[in-house]
């Protein structure tokens, strides 16, 4: 039974780490969208 407890604890840690990594990646991508690296890229010519 101790094996299962250890395995579940390890899986919880792994899932939390993956979730934190994905959250950080999402925040970085969101912030990159607000960057002003190339303001001309938003100018639409009709």
Protein backbone atom coordinates (compact mmCIF):
# COMPACT_ATOMS: atom_id res chain seq x y z
CA UNK A 1 0.00 0.00 0.00
CA UNK A 2 2.94 2.33 0.64
CA UNK A 3 3.95 1.94 -3.01
CA UNK A 4 0.60 3.29 -4.18
CA UNK A 5 0.79 6.21 -1.78
CA UNK A 6 4.24 7.11 -3.08
CA UNK A 7 3.14 6.71 -6.69
CA UNK A 8 0.09 8.95 -6.17
CA UNK A 9 2.19 11.59 -4.44
CA UNK A 10 4.70 11.51 -7.30
CA UNK A 11 1.95 11.81 -9.89
CA UNK A 12 0.40 14.75 -8.04
CA UNK A 13 3.74 16.52 -8.04
CA UNK A 14 4.27 15.79 -11.73
CA UNK A 15 0.82 17.02 -12.71
CA UNK A 16 1.27 20.20 -10.67
CA UNK A 17 4.65 20.84 -12.27
CA UNK A 18 3.26 20.35 -15.79
CA UNK A 19 0.32 22.61 -15.00
CA UNK A 20 2.61 25.32 -13.65
CA UNK A 21 4.80 25.09 -16.73
CA UNK A 22 1.82 25.40 -19.06
CA UNK A 23 0.47 28.34 -17.06
CA UNK A 24 3.82 30.15 -17.28
CA UNK A 25 4.01 29.46 -21.02
CA UNK A 26 0.51 30.85 -21.48
CA UNK A 27 1.28 34.01 -19.52
CA UNK A 28 4.46 34.57 -21.56
CA UNK A 29 2.56 34.12 -24.83
CA UNK A 30 -0.16 36.48 -23.63
CA UNK A 31 2.35 39.15 -22.68
CA UNK A 32 4.16 38.78 -26.01
CA UNK A 33 0.90 39.66 -27.72
CA UNK A 34 0.90 43.04 -25.99
CA UNK A 35 4.48 43.84 -27.04
CA UNK A 36 5.26 46.91 -29.11
CA UNK A 37 8.17 45.41 -31.02
CA UNK A 38 6.68 46.29 -34.40
CA UNK A 39 3.78 48.75 -34.23
CA UNK A 40 3.63 48.83 -38.05
CA UNK A 41 2.51 45.21 -38.06
CA UNK A 42 -0.88 46.33 -36.75
CA UNK A 43 -1.48 48.86 -39.55
CA UNK A 44 -3.97 47.41 -42.00
CA UNK A 45 -4.04 48.92 -45.48
CA UNK A 46 -7.37 48.76 -47.28
